[in-house]
Amino acid sequence: MEIQKICEAITMKTVEKSNLNQLIEENTLTPHTQRNSLTIDESFNNDQPDRQHQTTTIIIPPSSSIPTFSGSIMENPRQFLIRVKEYAETINHWNEQHLLKGISQFLRDTALEWYCQLGISNRRPQTWIEFNVIFLNQFNSPIRRAHQEQQWKSCKQEENETINEFIVRLRALWQEQKPNETE
């Protein structure tokens, strides 16, 4: 009897979902969807007195906001580590251990192949800090470091650059060159 009630409730919700999906499709140009995210509210009523309405909100971030790293020399590995950690904490509510377990979702091409090879050789890191160290050793190449050092040594404020823009650029170079120093 209980299963029949649940099945009936699911059938009713399927119709409501269909109507909701139609409404979403009709309103694709709302300000909310223009920001490339989507919120869906669904109410479930299983005729249970203590659970009259259970609301579930699903937020789907735009795929362009998901940080990825492919291992290209043009990519900044330190910046990727910062972005992926913030993304995982904010969107997925992951701690460092969950992020370490799910990091392959954010890796592409050469970086993903490198990570797979770590698994095959049983050398996968056990902590997020350990991952950071081996990741930076692998992808912060000597060529990239030499280029950054040259930029650091010749860093000057550009003519059309505000002092704030210059300080942000200088700090970014400084953090790359001297990651263990503080202001």
N, C-alpha and C. Protein backbone atom coordinates (compact mmCIF):
# COMPACT_ATOMS: atom_id res chain seq x y z
N MET A 1 0.82 -1.19 0.00
CA MET A 1 0.00 0.00 0.00
C MET A 1 0.87 1.26 0.00
N GLU A 2 1.90 1.26 0.84
CA GLU A 2 2.81 2.40 0.92
C GLU A 2 3.52 2.63 -0.42
N ILE A 3 3.94 1.55 -1.07
CA ILE A 3 4.62 1.65 -2.36
C ILE A 3 3.70 2.24 -3.41
N GLN A 4 2.42 1.87 -3.37
CA GLN A 4 1.45 2.39 -4.34
C GLN A 4 1.31 3.90 -4.18
N LYS A 5 1.27 4.39 -2.95
CA LYS A 5 1.16 5.83 -2.70
C LYS A 5 2.39 6.56 -3.24
N ILE A 6 3.55 5.96 -3.02
CA ILE A 6 4.78 6.58 -3.51
C ILE A 6 4.79 6.62 -5.04
N CYS A 7 4.36 5.53 -5.67
CA CYS A 7 4.30 5.48 -7.14
C CYS A 7 3.33 6.53 -7.68
N GLU A 8 2.19 6.69 -7.03
CA GLU A 8 1.22 7.71 -7.46
C GLU A 8 1.82 9.10 -7.31
N ALA A 9 2.52 9.34 -6.21
CA ALA A 9 3.14 10.65 -6.00
C ALA A 9 4.21 10.91 -7.06
N ILE A 10 4.98 9.89 -7.40
CA ILE A 10 6.02 10.05 -8.42
C ILE A 10 5.39 10.35 -9.78
N THR A 11 4.28 9.67 -10.09
CA THR A 11 3.59 9.91 -11.36
C THR A 11 3.10 11.35 -11.42
N MET A 12 2.53 11.84 -10.32
CA MET A 12 2.05 13.23 -10.29
C MET A 12 3.22 14.19 -10.45
N LYS A 13 4.34 13.89 -9.81
CA LYS A 13 5.49 14.78 -9.89
C LYS A 13 6.11 14.76 -11.29
N THR A 14 6.00 13.64 -11.99
CA THR A 14 6.50 13.57 -13.36
C THR A 14 5.77 14.55 -14.25
N VAL A 15 4.46 14.64 -14.08
CA VAL A 15 3.66 15.60 -14.84
C VAL A 15 4.08 17.02 -14.47
N GLU A 16 4.26 17.27 -13.16
CA GLU A 16 4.68 18.60 -12.72
C GLU A 16 6.07 18.94 -13.26
N LYS A 17 6.98 17.96 -13.28
CA LYS A 17 8.31 18.19 -13.83
C LYS A 17 8.23 18.54 -15.31
N SER A 18 7.38 17.85 -16.04
CA SER A 18 7.21 18.13 -17.45
C SER A 18 6.75 19.57 -17.65
N ASN A 19 5.78 19.99 -16.83
CA ASN A 19 5.31 21.38 -16.90
C ASN A 19 6.43 22.35 -16.53
N LEU A 20 7.22 22.00 -15.51
CA LEU A 20 8.32 22.84 -15.09
C LEU A 20 9.37 22.96 -16.19
N ASN A 21 9.70 21.83 -16.83
CA ASN A 21 10.67 21.86 -17.92
C ASN A 21 10.19 22.71 -19.08
N GLN A 22 8.88 22.64 -19.37
CA GLN A 22 8.32 23.46 -20.43
C GLN A 22 8.44 24.93 -20.05
N LEU A 23 8.16 25.26 -18.80
CA LEU A 23 8.26 26.63 -18.33
C LEU A 23 9.71 27.13 -18.42
N ILE A 24 10.65 26.27 -18.07
CA ILE A 24 12.07 26.65 -18.16
C ILE A 24 12.45 26.93 -19.60
N GLU A 25 12.01 26.07 -20.52
CA GLU A 25 12.33 26.27 -21.93
C GLU A 25 11.72 27.55 -22.46
N GLU A 26 10.53 27.89 -22.00
CA GLU A 26 9.87 29.11 -22.47
C GLU A 26 10.55 30.35 -21.93
N ASN A 27 11.23 30.23 -20.80
CA ASN A 27 11.83 31.40 -20.15
C ASN A 27 13.36 31.35 -20.18
N THR A 28 13.91 30.94 -21.29
CA THR A 28 15.37 30.81 -21.36
C THR A 28 16.08 32.15 -21.38
N LEU A 29 15.39 33.23 -21.61
CA LEU A 29 16.05 34.53 -21.66
C LEU A 29 15.81 35.36 -20.41
N THR A 30 15.54 34.71 -19.30
CA THR A 30 15.37 35.45 -18.06
C THR A 30 16.74 35.87 -17.56
N PRO A 31 16.82 36.90 -16.71
CA PRO A 31 18.12 37.32 -16.19
C PRO A 31 18.86 36.19 -15.49
N HIS A 32 18.12 35.30 -14.82
CA HIS A 32 18.78 34.22 -14.09
C HIS A 32 19.49 33.26 -15.04
N THR A 33 18.83 32.88 -16.12
CA THR A 33 19.46 31.94 -17.05
C THR A 33 20.52 32.62 -17.89
N GLN A 34 20.43 33.94 -18.03
CA GLN A 34 21.47 34.65 -18.76
C GLN A 34 22.79 34.61 -18.00
N ARG A 35 22.75 34.42 -16.69
CA ARG A 35 23.97 34.29 -15.90
C ARG A 35 24.50 32.87 -15.98
N ASN A 36 23.90 32.05 -16.83
CA ASN A 36 24.36 30.68 -17.08
C ASN A 36 24.24 29.76 -15.88
N SER A 37 23.23 29.96 -15.07
CA SER A 37 22.96 28.99 -14.02
C SER A 37 21.47 28.75 -13.97
N LEU A 38 21.08 27.72 -13.28
CA LEU A 38 19.69 27.30 -13.30
C LEU A 38 19.31 26.78 -11.94
N THR A 39 18.17 27.21 -11.42
CA THR A 39 17.67 26.71 -10.16
C THR A 39 16.33 26.07 -10.41
N ILE A 40 16.16 24.87 -9.91
CA ILE A 40 14.91 24.14 -10.06
C ILE A 40 14.39 23.81 -8.67
N ASP A 41 13.17 24.19 -8.37
CA ASP A 41 12.54 23.84 -7.10
C ASP A 41 11.47 22.81 -7.37
N GLU A 42 11.51 21.73 -6.60
CA GLU A 42 10.51 20.68 -6.73
C GLU A 42 9.93 20.41 -5.36
N SER A 43 8.63 20.23 -5.27
CA SER A 43 7.99 19.87 -4.01
C SER A 43 7.45 18.47 -4.12
N PHE A 44 7.71 17.67 -3.09
CA PHE A 44 7.23 16.30 -3.06
C PHE A 44 6.25 16.16 -1.91
N ASN A 45 5.08 15.59 -2.19
CA ASN A 45 4.08 15.38 -1.16
C ASN A 45 3.75 13.90 -1.16
N ASN A 46 4.25 13.20 -0.17
CA ASN A 46 4.01 11.76 -0.06
C ASN A 46 2.88 11.45 0.90
N ASP A 47 2.01 12.42 1.16
CA ASP A 47 0.90 12.26 2.09
C ASP A 47 1.37 11.81 3.47
N GLN A 48 2.53 12.25 3.86
CA GLN A 48 3.04 11.95 5.19
C GLN A 48 2.89 13.22 6.01
N PRO A 49 2.28 13.13 7.21
CA PRO A 49 1.99 14.32 7.99
C PRO A 49 3.24 15.12 8.37
N ASP A 50 4.34 14.45 8.66
CA ASP A 50 5.52 15.19 9.09
C ASP A 50 6.40 15.63 7.92
N ARG A 51 6.09 15.19 6.72
CA ARG A 51 6.88 15.54 5.54
C ARG A 51 5.95 16.02 4.43
N GLN A 52 5.16 17.03 4.72
CA GLN A 52 4.20 17.53 3.74
C GLN A 52 4.89 18.02 2.47
N HIS A 53 5.91 18.85 2.66
CA HIS A 53 6.61 19.40 1.50
C HIS A 53 8.11 19.33 1.74
N GLN A 54 8.78 18.70 0.83
CA GLN A 54 10.23 18.66 0.85
C GLN A 54 10.69 19.36 -0.41
N THR A 55 11.47 20.42 -0.26
CA THR A 55 11.92 21.20 -1.41
C THR A 55 13.39 20.90 -1.66
N THR A 56 13.70 20.62 -2.90
CA THR A 56 15.07 20.37 -3.31
C THR A 56 15.46 21.44 -4.32
N THR A 57 16.57 22.11 -4.08
CA THR A 57 17.07 23.11 -5.01
C THR A 57 18.33 22.58 -5.66
N ILE A 58 18.34 22.60 -6.96
CA ILE A 58 19.49 22.13 -7.72
C ILE A 58 20.07 23.34 -8.45
N ILE A 59 21.33 23.63 -8.18
CA ILE A 59 22.00 24.73 -8.87
C ILE A 59 23.01 24.12 -9.82
N ILE A 60 22.84 24.39 -11.09
CA ILE A 60 23.73 23.84 -12.10
C ILE A 60 24.65 24.97 -12.57
N PRO A 61 25.94 24.89 -12.21
CA PRO A 61 26.84 25.97 -12.64
C PRO A 61 27.12 25.86 -14.13
N PRO A 62 27.43 26.98 -14.75
CA PRO A 62 27.76 26.92 -16.18
C PRO A 62 29.04 26.13 -16.38
N SER A 63 29.09 25.37 -17.46
CA SER A 63 30.27 24.53 -17.70
C SER A 63 31.52 25.37 -17.90
N SER A 64 31.35 26.61 -18.35
CA SER A 64 32.52 27.46 -18.57
C SER A 64 33.17 27.89 -17.26
N SER A 65 32.46 27.79 -16.13
CA SER A 65 33.04 28.22 -14.87
C SER A 65 33.80 27.10 -14.17
N ILE A 66 33.71 25.88 -14.67
CA ILE A 66 34.41 24.76 -14.06
C ILE A 66 35.89 24.86 -14.41
N PRO A 67 36.77 24.98 -13.41
CA PRO A 67 38.19 25.09 -13.73
C PRO A 67 38.74 23.76 -14.25
N THR A 68 39.48 23.85 -15.32
CA THR A 68 40.12 22.66 -15.89
C THR A 68 41.58 22.98 -16.15
N PHE A 69 42.38 21.93 -16.23
CA PHE A 69 43.80 22.09 -16.50
C PHE A 69 44.23 20.98 -17.43
N SER A 70 44.88 21.35 -18.54
CA SER A 70 45.27 20.35 -19.53
C SER A 70 46.77 20.06 -19.54
N GLY A 71 47.55 20.92 -18.88
CA GLY A 71 49.00 20.71 -18.86
C GLY A 71 49.75 21.53 -19.88
N SER A 72 49.04 22.43 -20.57
CA SER A 72 49.67 23.30 -21.56
C SER A 72 50.64 24.26 -20.87
N ILE A 73 51.71 24.60 -21.56
CA ILE A 73 52.70 25.53 -21.01
C ILE A 73 52.11 26.93 -20.81
N MET A 74 51.02 27.22 -21.51
CA MET A 74 50.38 28.53 -21.40
C MET A 74 49.50 28.65 -20.15
N GLU A 75 49.19 27.53 -19.51
CA GLU A 75 48.33 27.55 -18.33
C GLU A 75 49.15 27.81 -17.07
N ASN A 76 48.50 28.40 -16.09
CA ASN A 76 49.14 28.70 -14.82
C ASN A 76 48.73 27.63 -13.81
N PRO A 77 49.63 26.70 -13.46
CA PRO A 77 49.25 25.61 -12.57
C PRO A 77 48.91 26.07 -11.15
N ARG A 78 49.59 27.09 -10.66
CA ARG A 78 49.31 27.59 -9.30
C ARG A 78 47.92 28.22 -9.25
N GLN A 79 47.58 28.97 -10.28
CA GLN A 79 46.26 29.59 -10.36
C GLN A 79 45.17 28.53 -10.47
N PHE A 80 45.43 27.47 -11.23
CA PHE A 80 44.47 26.38 -11.33
C PHE A 80 44.20 25.76 -9.96
N LEU A 81 45.25 25.51 -9.19
CA LEU A 81 45.08 24.90 -7.87
C LEU A 81 44.21 25.77 -6.96
N ILE A 82 44.40 27.06 -7.03
CA ILE A 82 43.58 27.98 -6.23
C ILE A 82 42.13 27.93 -6.70
N ARG A 83 41.93 28.04 -8.01
CA ARG A 83 40.57 28.06 -8.57
C ARG A 83 39.82 26.76 -8.31
N VAL A 84 40.49 25.61 -8.49
CA VAL A 84 39.80 24.33 -8.33
C VAL A 84 39.44 24.11 -6.86
N LYS A 85 40.29 24.54 -5.95
CA LYS A 85 39.98 24.38 -4.52
C LYS A 85 38.78 25.26 -4.14
N GLU A 86 38.79 26.50 -4.59
CA GLU A 86 37.66 27.40 -4.29
C GLU A 86 36.37 26.87 -4.91
N TYR A 87 36.45 26.38 -6.14
CA TYR A 87 35.28 25.84 -6.82
C TYR A 87 34.73 24.64 -6.06
N ALA A 88 35.61 23.72 -5.70
CA ALA A 88 35.18 22.50 -5.01
C ALA A 88 34.56 22.81 -3.65
N GLU A 89 35.12 23.78 -2.94
CA GLU A 89 34.57 24.16 -1.63
C GLU A 89 33.24 24.88 -1.78
N THR A 90 33.15 25.77 -2.76
CA THR A 90 31.96 26.60 -2.92
C THR A 90 30.81 25.85 -3.58
N ILE A 91 31.06 25.19 -4.68
CA ILE A 91 30.00 24.54 -5.45
C ILE A 91 29.68 23.15 -4.92
N ASN A 92 30.70 22.34 -4.67
CA ASN A 92 30.48 20.95 -4.26
C ASN A 92 30.51 20.75 -2.76
N HIS A 93 30.96 21.75 -2.01
CA HIS A 93 31.12 21.65 -0.55
C HIS A 93 32.06 20.52 -0.18
N TRP A 94 33.14 20.38 -0.96
CA TRP A 94 34.13 19.33 -0.73
C TRP A 94 35.22 19.85 0.20
N ASN A 95 35.73 18.97 1.05
CA ASN A 95 36.94 19.28 1.80
C ASN A 95 38.13 18.86 0.94
N GLU A 96 39.34 19.02 1.48
CA GLU A 96 40.53 18.71 0.68
C GLU A 96 40.61 17.24 0.31
N GLN A 97 40.15 16.35 1.20
CA GLN A 97 40.22 14.91 0.90
C GLN A 97 39.28 14.55 -0.25
N HIS A 98 38.06 15.14 -0.25
CA HIS A 98 37.13 14.89 -1.35
C HIS A 98 37.67 15.46 -2.66
N LEU A 99 38.27 16.64 -2.57
CA LEU A 99 38.86 17.26 -3.76
C LEU A 99 39.97 16.37 -4.33
N LEU A 100 40.80 15.84 -3.45
CA LEU A 100 41.87 14.96 -3.90
C LEU A 100 41.30 13.74 -4.63
N LYS A 101 40.22 13.19 -4.09
CA LYS A 101 39.60 12.02 -4.73
C LYS A 101 38.95 12.37 -6.06
N GLY A 102 38.47 13.61 -6.21
CA GLY A 102 37.76 14.00 -7.43
C GLY A 102 38.55 14.86 -8.39
N ILE A 103 39.84 15.04 -8.15
CA ILE A 103 40.63 15.97 -8.95
C ILE A 103 40.67 15.60 -10.43
N SER A 104 40.56 14.32 -10.74
CA SER A 104 40.64 13.92 -12.15
C SER A 104 39.51 14.51 -12.98
N GLN A 105 38.40 14.90 -12.35
CA GLN A 105 37.29 15.52 -13.07
C GLN A 105 37.69 16.86 -13.68
N PHE A 106 38.73 17.48 -13.14
CA PHE A 106 39.15 18.81 -13.56
C PHE A 106 40.38 18.77 -14.47
N LEU A 107 40.93 17.59 -14.68
CA LEU A 107 42.14 17.45 -15.50
C LEU A 107 41.78 17.00 -16.91
N ARG A 108 42.53 17.47 -17.88
CA ARG A 108 42.31 17.13 -19.28
C ARG A 108 43.66 16.80 -19.93
N ASP A 109 43.61 16.14 -21.06
CA ASP A 109 44.76 15.93 -21.94
C ASP A 109 46.00 15.42 -21.18
N THR A 110 47.11 16.15 -21.31
CA THR A 110 48.38 15.73 -20.71
C THR A 110 48.28 15.62 -19.19
N ALA A 111 47.59 16.55 -18.57
CA ALA A 111 47.46 16.53 -17.11
C ALA A 111 46.69 15.29 -16.64
N LEU A 112 45.65 14.93 -17.35
CA LEU A 112 44.88 13.73 -16.98
C LEU A 112 45.72 12.48 -17.20
N GLU A 113 46.46 12.43 -18.29
CA GLU A 113 47.33 11.28 -18.55
C GLU A 113 48.37 11.14 -17.45
N TRP A 114 48.97 12.26 -17.06
CA TRP A 114 49.95 12.25 -15.96
C TRP A 114 49.32 11.70 -14.69
N TYR A 115 48.12 12.15 -14.37
CA TYR A 115 47.44 11.70 -13.15
C TYR A 115 47.12 10.20 -13.24
N CYS A 116 46.69 9.74 -14.38
CA CYS A 116 46.41 8.30 -14.56
C CYS A 116 47.67 7.47 -14.38
N GLN A 117 48.79 7.98 -14.87
CA GLN A 117 50.06 7.27 -14.70
C GLN A 117 50.46 7.18 -13.24
N LEU A 118 50.14 8.21 -12.46
CA LEU A 118 50.40 8.14 -11.02
C LEU A 118 49.63 6.98 -10.39
N GLY A 119 48.40 6.80 -10.82
CA GLY A 119 47.58 5.71 -10.30
C GLY A 119 48.11 4.35 -10.70
N ILE A 120 48.52 4.23 -11.94
CA ILE A 120 49.05 2.95 -12.44
C ILE A 120 50.31 2.55 -11.68
N SER A 121 51.14 3.54 -11.37
CA SER A 121 52.40 3.25 -10.67
C SER A 121 52.25 3.32 -9.14
N ASN A 122 51.02 3.42 -8.66
CA ASN A 122 50.74 3.50 -7.21
C ASN A 122 51.49 4.64 -6.53
N ARG A 123 51.55 5.78 -7.19
CA ARG A 123 52.23 6.95 -6.63
C ARG A 123 51.28 8.12 -6.43
N ARG A 124 49.99 7.85 -6.37
CA ARG A 124 49.03 8.94 -6.17
C ARG A 124 49.24 9.55 -4.79
N PRO A 125 49.16 10.86 -4.70
CA PRO A 125 49.36 11.53 -3.41
C PRO A 125 48.24 11.17 -2.43
N GLN A 126 48.58 11.23 -1.15
CA GLN A 126 47.61 10.88 -0.10
C GLN A 126 46.97 12.11 0.54
N THR A 127 47.56 13.29 0.30
CA THR A 127 47.00 14.53 0.86
C THR A 127 46.95 15.59 -0.23
N TRP A 128 46.13 16.61 -0.01
CA TRP A 128 46.01 17.71 -0.96
C TRP A 128 47.34 18.47 -1.06
N ILE A 129 48.02 18.65 0.06
CA ILE A 129 49.30 19.36 0.05
C ILE A 129 50.32 18.58 -0.79
N GLU A 130 50.35 17.27 -0.61
CA GLU A 130 51.26 16.43 -1.40
C GLU A 130 50.91 16.54 -2.89
N PHE A 131 49.62 16.56 -3.22
CA PHE A 131 49.21 16.72 -4.62
C PHE A 131 49.72 18.04 -5.17
N ASN A 132 49.57 19.12 -4.40
CA ASN A 132 50.03 20.44 -4.84
C ASN A 132 51.51 20.41 -5.19
N VAL A 133 52.31 19.80 -4.34
CA VAL A 133 53.76 19.76 -4.55
C VAL A 133 54.11 19.01 -5.84
N ILE A 134 53.57 17.81 -6.01
CA ILE A 134 53.94 17.04 -7.21
C ILE A 134 53.32 17.63 -8.47
N PHE A 135 52.14 18.25 -8.34
CA PHE A 135 51.50 18.90 -9.48
C PHE A 135 52.35 20.08 -9.96
N LEU A 136 52.78 20.91 -9.02
CA LEU A 136 53.61 22.07 -9.40
C LEU A 136 54.97 21.63 -9.92
N ASN A 137 55.55 20.59 -9.35
CA ASN A 137 56.82 20.07 -9.87
C ASN A 137 56.67 19.59 -11.31
N GLN A 138 55.52 19.02 -11.62
CA GLN A 138 55.29 18.49 -12.96
C GLN A 138 54.97 19.59 -13.98
N PHE A 139 54.12 20.53 -13.59
CA PHE A 139 53.57 21.46 -14.59
C PHE A 139 54.09 22.89 -14.52
N ASN A 140 54.85 23.23 -13.49
CA ASN A 140 55.47 24.55 -13.47
C ASN A 140 56.88 24.37 -14.04
N SER A 141 56.94 24.28 -15.36
CA SER A 141 58.16 23.89 -16.08
C SER A 141 59.28 24.91 -15.89
N PRO A 142 60.52 24.48 -16.10
CA PRO A 142 61.66 25.41 -16.02
C PRO A 142 61.53 26.58 -17.00
N ILE A 143 60.98 26.32 -18.17
CA ILE A 143 60.77 27.40 -19.16
C ILE A 143 59.79 28.42 -18.61
N ARG A 144 58.72 27.93 -18.04
CA ARG A 144 57.71 28.82 -17.45
C ARG A 144 58.30 29.61 -16.29
N ARG A 145 59.06 28.95 -15.43
CA ARG A 145 59.68 29.63 -14.29
C ARG A 145 60.68 30.69 -14.76
N ALA A 146 61.48 30.37 -15.79
CA ALA A 146 62.45 31.33 -16.32
C ALA A 146 61.74 32.55 -16.90
N HIS A 147 60.64 32.30 -17.61
CA HIS A 147 59.86 33.41 -18.18
C HIS A 147 59.28 34.28 -17.06
N GLN A 148 58.77 33.65 -16.02
CA GLN A 148 58.22 34.41 -14.89
C GLN A 148 59.30 35.21 -14.17
N GLU A 149 60.48 34.61 -14.03
CA GLU A 149 61.58 35.32 -13.37
C GLU A 149 61.98 36.55 -14.18
N GLN A 150 62.00 36.40 -15.50
CA GLN A 150 62.31 37.54 -16.37
C GLN A 150 61.24 38.63 -16.21
N GLN A 151 59.98 38.22 -16.18
CA GLN A 151 58.90 39.19 -15.98
C GLN A 151 59.03 39.88 -14.62
N TRP A 152 59.38 39.12 -13.59
CA TRP A 152 59.52 39.65 -12.24
C TRP A 152 60.63 40.71 -12.20
N LYS A 153 61.76 40.40 -12.81
CA LYS A 153 62.90 41.31 -12.77
C LYS A 153 62.67 42.57 -13.60
N SER A 154 61.88 42.47 -14.64
CA SER A 154 61.66 43.63 -15.51
C SER A 154 60.27 44.25 -15.31
N CYS A 155 59.63 43.94 -14.22
CA CYS A 155 58.26 44.42 -14.00
C CYS A 155 58.24 45.92 -13.72
N LYS A 156 57.55 46.64 -14.59
CA LYS A 156 57.38 48.08 -14.45
C LYS A 156 55.93 48.42 -14.77
N GLN A 157 55.48 49.50 -14.19
CA GLN A 157 54.11 49.93 -14.47
C GLN A 157 54.03 50.44 -15.91
N GLU A 158 53.04 49.91 -16.64
CA GLU A 158 52.83 50.32 -18.02
C GLU A 158 52.17 51.70 -18.06
N GLU A 159 52.29 52.38 -19.20
CA GLU A 159 51.73 53.73 -19.34
C GLU A 159 50.24 53.79 -19.08
N ASN A 160 49.49 52.85 -19.65
CA ASN A 160 48.02 52.89 -19.53
C ASN A 160 47.51 52.04 -18.36
N GLU A 161 48.39 51.63 -17.47
CA GLU A 161 48.04 50.75 -16.35
C GLU A 161 47.86 51.57 -15.08
N THR A 162 46.74 51.37 -14.38
CA THR A 162 46.54 52.07 -13.11
C THR A 162 47.45 51.46 -12.06
N ILE A 163 47.63 52.17 -10.96
CA ILE A 163 48.48 51.65 -9.89
C ILE A 163 47.90 50.36 -9.31
N ASN A 164 46.58 50.29 -9.22
CA ASN A 164 45.94 49.07 -8.70
C ASN A 164 46.17 47.88 -9.63
N GLU A 165 46.05 48.10 -10.93
CA GLU A 165 46.30 47.02 -11.90
C GLU A 165 47.75 46.56 -11.82
N PHE A 166 48.66 47.53 -11.69
CA PHE A 166 50.08 47.19 -11.59
C PHE A 166 50.37 46.38 -10.33
N ILE A 167 49.80 46.77 -9.21
CA ILE A 167 50.03 46.05 -7.94
C ILE A 167 49.50 44.63 -8.03
N VAL A 168 48.33 44.46 -8.64
CA VAL A 168 47.77 43.11 -8.79
C VAL A 168 48.70 42.26 -9.65
N ARG A 169 49.19 42.81 -10.75
CA ARG A 169 50.09 42.07 -11.64
C ARG A 169 51.41 41.77 -10.94
N LEU A 170 51.94 42.75 -10.21
CA LEU A 170 53.19 42.57 -9.48
C LEU A 170 53.04 41.49 -8.39
N ARG A 171 51.94 41.53 -7.65
CA ARG A 171 51.71 40.52 -6.61
C ARG A 171 51.58 39.12 -7.20
N ALA A 172 50.92 39.01 -8.36
CA ALA A 172 50.78 37.70 -9.00
C ALA A 172 52.15 37.15 -9.38
N LEU A 173 53.01 38.01 -9.94
CA LEU A 173 54.37 37.57 -10.28
C LEU A 173 55.16 37.22 -9.02
N TRP A 174 55.00 38.02 -7.99
CA TRP A 174 55.70 37.79 -6.73
C TRP A 174 55.29 36.46 -6.11
N GLN A 175 53.99 36.18 -6.12
CA GLN A 175 53.51 34.91 -5.55
C GLN A 175 54.03 33.72 -6.34
N GLU A 176 54.19 33.89 -7.64
CA GLU A 176 54.75 32.81 -8.46
C GLU A 176 56.23 32.62 -8.17
N GLN A 177 56.96 33.72 -8.01
CA GLN A 177 58.40 33.65 -7.79
C GLN A 177 58.78 33.31 -6.35
N LYS A 178 58.01 33.82 -5.41
CA LYS A 178 58.33 33.65 -3.98
C LYS A 178 57.09 33.14 -3.24
N PRO A 179 56.63 31.93 -3.53
CA PRO A 179 55.37 31.45 -2.96
C PRO A 179 55.38 31.28 -1.44
N ASN A 180 56.56 31.14 -0.85
CA ASN A 180 56.62 30.92 0.60
C ASN A 180 56.80 32.21 1.40
N GLU A 181 56.93 33.34 0.71
CA GLU A 181 57.08 34.62 1.40
C GLU A 181 55.72 35.27 1.58
N THR A 182 55.61 36.09 2.62
CA THR A 182 54.39 36.85 2.84
C THR A 182 54.72 38.33 2.76
N GLU A 183 53.69 39.14 2.62
CA GLU A 183 53.90 40.58 2.49
C GLU A 183 54.44 41.13 3.73
